[in-house]
Amino acid sequence: MLNSLTNLKPLLLPVLKISQIAANAVLEVYNSSDFEVETKKDKTPLTRADKLSHDIIFKQLGRLSLDTAVLSEEGANIPYQQRKSWPNYWLIDPIDGTKEFINRNGEFTVNIALIDQAQPVLGVVFAPAKGLLYYALSGLGAYRFSLGKDISEYNTLEDVLAVSKKLPIIDANEDLVVCASRSHKDENLKTYLENLKNSGYKTKVMSAGSSLKLCMVAEGTADIYPRFGPTMEWDIAAGHCVVKESSGRILTVDNRDLAYNKETLKNDRFIAFRNSCPSFCVTSFFK
């Protein structure tokens, strides 16, 4: 098992630097005058930036840990019979929020996670257009780094930690802040919010794209993120680690911790929340 700080800590700075390389490539495409958009078989969009980011991360992680498999959204056709025996593996989403990337609203991220025994133990969420980097390591905690200079300019992890803010940054909100998807709205969310209102909770809804919603829960900007629509494992793995290491949890509809390397790689609906969140706000999600 990798799930010990001694084994994991040497991996974090190299992965942060890999995410920076990928983020720079993505940002170059994002800032270009135009880019083509393809449509994949599942009807989701794909850009040159997705491919570039995938190629960079896949190659760099291979060099970092030769014996650890890599599973990516842009290379997810590995049979379950092959991957079900993996004790650990890298799980990446080269660009989470491709729709946000195409719409040029800045709410897209580069995600890298290390999964060990079906749980994320290392997570990096890089939002290049916003100049924000969230990262977490099992046993070390979760942090937010605001880009003043490139991660590549730091020689040690301790140097990066010294200029990062430990999460959560906000301990409590005046109102119950519920985070919602910018691109995916549904009636289930409306019903959930009505239940909270009818039970006396004053809520405020904040919308965001990609895994930034999980990072908002981790830093305390949001208290809760109920997700009723479909997601894939690579969409949330890195953000899940950031939430866990900042005193939060993600539970599925059957009231279990969300697990990884499932046969379909699809997630059930889930709720991410801070441990300080009122219990009713969590239990009402399961009704």
Foldseek 3Di string as FASTA:
>chain_A
DQQDCVNCVVPALLVLQLQLVLLVLLVVQLPDPDWDWDADPVRDIDTPSQVSLVVSNQVSVCVVDVPAAEAEPVRNPDALVVCVPHQKHKYWYSKFFVVCSVVSPQQIWTWIFIDGNQATAKIWTGRNSQQKIWIAGNPPFIWIARDPDRSVVDDHPVVRVVRIGGPQQDDDDPAQEEEEEPVDDDVLVVVLVVVCVVVPGDYDYDYGGFLVSLVCQGNVVHFKYWFQDKDFQNRCRRSQRNLVRSQKAKAALVRHGRGASDNVRIGHTIMIGHPPDPVCSVVVSND
